[in-house]
Amino acid sequence: MDYKLFMSLPKHLIKITDQVAVGGGEPLLFLNALKKFSAECKKHELICNVTSNGRILDPYRDWE
């Protein structure tokens, strides 16, 4: 999906739902984009759910 389109989704989705789910593939491989997307969701008071298999998680990494 086009990055610009993806980042614009929250302002449209809030009109029809209060939550969005990101999954498929491995969303954590695109951590910077995911952080920006979730911030955009928060800005529009939209709950952002992420589904991951967690295989790339590093227990010592700072995720904030």
N, C-alpha and C. Protein backbone atom coordinates (compact mmCIF):
# COMPACT_ATOMS: atom_id res chain seq x y z
N MET A 1 0.84 -1.18 0.00
CA MET A 1 0.00 0.00 0.00
C MET A 1 0.89 1.24 0.00
N ASP A 2 0.43 2.25 -0.67
CA ASP A 2 1.14 3.51 -0.70
C ASP A 2 1.27 4.09 0.71
N TYR A 3 2.47 4.52 1.09
CA TYR A 3 2.74 5.02 2.44
C TYR A 3 1.85 6.22 2.79
N LYS A 4 1.72 7.15 1.88
CA LYS A 4 0.92 8.35 2.13
C LYS A 4 -0.55 7.97 2.37
N LEU A 5 -1.05 7.06 1.57
CA LEU A 5 -2.43 6.58 1.74
C LEU A 5 -2.58 5.90 3.09
N PHE A 6 -1.64 5.04 3.44
CA PHE A 6 -1.68 4.31 4.71
C PHE A 6 -1.75 5.28 5.88
N MET A 7 -0.92 6.32 5.86
CA MET A 7 -0.88 7.28 6.96
C MET A 7 -2.14 8.15 7.03
N SER A 8 -2.88 8.24 5.94
CA SER A 8 -4.10 9.04 5.94
C SER A 8 -5.33 8.25 6.39
N LEU A 9 -5.22 6.94 6.53
CA LEU A 9 -6.37 6.11 6.87
C LEU A 9 -7.06 6.48 8.18
N PRO A 10 -6.33 6.76 9.27
CA PRO A 10 -7.02 7.03 10.54
C PRO A 10 -8.06 8.15 10.46
N LYS A 11 -7.79 9.22 9.73
CA LYS A 11 -8.76 10.32 9.68
C LYS A 11 -10.05 9.91 8.96
N HIS A 12 -9.97 8.87 8.14
CA HIS A 12 -11.16 8.37 7.45
C HIS A 12 -11.83 7.25 8.25
N LEU A 13 -11.03 6.40 8.86
CA LEU A 13 -11.57 5.25 9.58
C LEU A 13 -12.36 5.66 10.82
N ILE A 14 -11.99 6.75 11.47
CA ILE A 14 -12.68 7.17 12.69
C ILE A 14 -14.15 7.47 12.41
N LYS A 15 -14.49 7.73 11.17
CA LYS A 15 -15.88 8.01 10.79
C LYS A 15 -16.75 6.75 10.84
N ILE A 16 -16.10 5.57 10.78
CA ILE A 16 -16.87 4.33 10.72
C ILE A 16 -16.54 3.32 11.82
N THR A 17 -15.46 3.56 12.57
CA THR A 17 -15.07 2.61 13.63
C THR A 17 -14.25 3.33 14.68
N ASP A 18 -14.03 2.66 15.80
CA ASP A 18 -13.17 3.24 16.83
C ASP A 18 -11.87 2.45 17.00
N GLN A 19 -11.68 1.42 16.15
CA GLN A 19 -10.47 0.61 16.23
C GLN A 19 -9.99 0.22 14.83
N VAL A 20 -8.69 0.00 14.74
CA VAL A 20 -8.09 -0.50 13.50
C VAL A 20 -7.09 -1.59 13.89
N ALA A 21 -6.96 -2.61 13.05
CA ALA A 21 -6.03 -3.70 13.30
C ALA A 21 -4.97 -3.73 12.19
N VAL A 22 -3.73 -3.80 12.60
CA VAL A 22 -2.61 -3.90 11.66
C VAL A 22 -2.02 -5.30 11.82
N GLY A 23 -1.93 -6.03 10.74
CA GLY A 23 -1.40 -7.38 10.81
C GLY A 23 -1.07 -7.89 9.42
N GLY A 24 -0.68 -9.11 9.34
CA GLY A 24 -0.29 -9.69 8.05
C GLY A 24 1.17 -9.41 7.80
N GLY A 25 1.87 -10.38 7.28
CA GLY A 25 3.31 -10.20 7.15
C GLY A 25 3.87 -10.06 8.56
N GLU A 26 4.73 -9.11 8.76
CA GLU A 26 5.26 -8.82 10.09
C GLU A 26 5.35 -7.32 10.27
N PRO A 27 4.32 -6.68 10.86
CA PRO A 27 4.29 -5.23 10.99
C PRO A 27 5.48 -4.64 11.75
N LEU A 28 6.06 -5.42 12.66
CA LEU A 28 7.19 -4.90 13.43
C LEU A 28 8.46 -4.72 12.60
N LEU A 29 8.48 -5.27 11.39
CA LEU A 29 9.62 -5.02 10.50
C LEU A 29 9.62 -3.57 10.02
N PHE A 30 8.49 -2.91 10.16
CA PHE A 30 8.34 -1.51 9.74
C PHE A 30 8.03 -0.66 10.98
N LEU A 31 8.86 -0.79 12.00
CA LEU A 31 8.59 -0.19 13.30
C LEU A 31 8.41 1.32 13.24
N ASN A 32 9.23 2.03 12.48
CA ASN A 32 9.09 3.48 12.41
C ASN A 32 7.75 3.87 11.80
N ALA A 33 7.35 3.21 10.73
CA ALA A 33 6.06 3.50 10.10
C ALA A 33 4.93 3.13 11.06
N LEU A 34 5.08 2.03 11.77
CA LEU A 34 4.05 1.60 12.71
C LEU A 34 3.89 2.61 13.85
N LYS A 35 4.99 3.13 14.34
CA LYS A 35 4.93 4.16 15.40
C LYS A 35 4.22 5.41 14.89
N LYS A 36 4.55 5.83 13.69
CA LYS A 36 3.90 7.02 13.12
C LYS A 36 2.41 6.77 12.89
N PHE A 37 2.08 5.59 12.40
CA PHE A 37 0.68 5.24 12.16
C PHE A 37 -0.09 5.21 13.47
N SER A 38 0.47 4.59 14.50
CA SER A 38 -0.24 4.52 15.78
C SER A 38 -0.38 5.91 16.40
N ALA A 39 0.60 6.78 16.20
CA ALA A 39 0.48 8.16 16.68
C ALA A 39 -0.65 8.89 15.94
N GLU A 40 -0.77 8.63 14.66
CA GLU A 40 -1.85 9.23 13.87
C GLU A 40 -3.20 8.70 14.35
N CYS A 41 -3.26 7.42 14.66
CA CYS A 41 -4.50 6.84 15.21
C CYS A 41 -4.85 7.52 16.53
N LYS A 42 -3.87 7.66 17.39
CA LYS A 42 -4.11 8.29 18.70
C LYS A 42 -4.61 9.72 18.52
N LYS A 43 -4.03 10.45 17.58
CA LYS A 43 -4.44 11.82 17.28
C LYS A 43 -5.93 11.89 16.92
N HIS A 44 -6.42 10.85 16.26
CA HIS A 44 -7.82 10.81 15.83
C HIS A 44 -8.67 9.96 16.78
N GLU A 45 -8.13 9.66 17.97
CA GLU A 45 -8.84 8.88 18.99
C GLU A 45 -9.31 7.52 18.47
N LEU A 46 -8.43 6.89 17.72
CA LEU A 46 -8.69 5.57 17.13
C LEU A 46 -7.74 4.57 17.79
N ILE A 47 -8.27 3.48 18.28
CA ILE A 47 -7.45 2.45 18.91
C ILE A 47 -6.73 1.66 17.82
N CYS A 48 -5.42 1.50 17.98
CA CYS A 48 -4.61 0.77 17.00
C CYS A 48 -4.15 -0.56 17.61
N ASN A 49 -4.61 -1.66 17.03
CA ASN A 49 -4.21 -3.00 17.46
C ASN A 49 -3.19 -3.55 16.46
N VAL A 50 -2.17 -4.22 16.99
CA VAL A 50 -1.13 -4.79 16.13
C VAL A 50 -1.02 -6.29 16.43
N THR A 51 -1.05 -7.09 15.38
CA THR A 51 -0.86 -8.53 15.53
C THR A 51 0.50 -8.89 14.97
N SER A 52 1.30 -9.56 15.80
CA SER A 52 2.65 -9.95 15.41
C SER A 52 2.94 -11.35 15.93
N ASN A 53 3.82 -12.04 15.24
CA ASN A 53 4.25 -13.34 15.77
C ASN A 53 5.34 -13.15 16.82
N GLY A 54 5.87 -11.94 16.94
CA GLY A 54 6.83 -11.61 17.99
C GLY A 54 8.22 -12.19 17.79
N ARG A 55 8.49 -12.81 16.68
CA ARG A 55 9.79 -13.46 16.48
C ARG A 55 10.94 -12.49 16.44
N ILE A 56 10.72 -11.26 16.03
CA ILE A 56 11.84 -10.33 15.94
C ILE A 56 12.02 -9.49 17.20
N LEU A 57 11.17 -9.71 18.19
CA LEU A 57 11.27 -8.92 19.42
C LEU A 57 12.57 -9.22 20.14
N ASP A 58 13.23 -8.17 20.53
CA ASP A 58 14.46 -8.28 21.32
C ASP A 58 14.10 -7.85 22.74
N PRO A 59 14.22 -8.74 23.71
CA PRO A 59 13.79 -8.39 25.07
C PRO A 59 14.59 -7.23 25.68
N TYR A 60 15.72 -6.88 25.12
CA TYR A 60 16.54 -5.80 25.67
C TYR A 60 16.37 -4.49 24.91
N ARG A 61 15.56 -4.49 23.91
CA ARG A 61 15.35 -3.29 23.09
C ARG A 61 14.37 -2.34 23.76
N ASP A 62 14.66 -1.06 23.68
CA ASP A 62 13.75 -0.04 24.21
C ASP A 62 12.72 0.25 23.13
N TRP A 63 11.46 -0.09 23.36
CA TRP A 63 10.41 0.06 22.35
C TRP A 63 9.70 1.40 22.41
N GLU A 64 10.13 2.29 23.25
CA GLU A 64 9.46 3.59 23.32
C GLU A 64 10.21 4.65 22.57
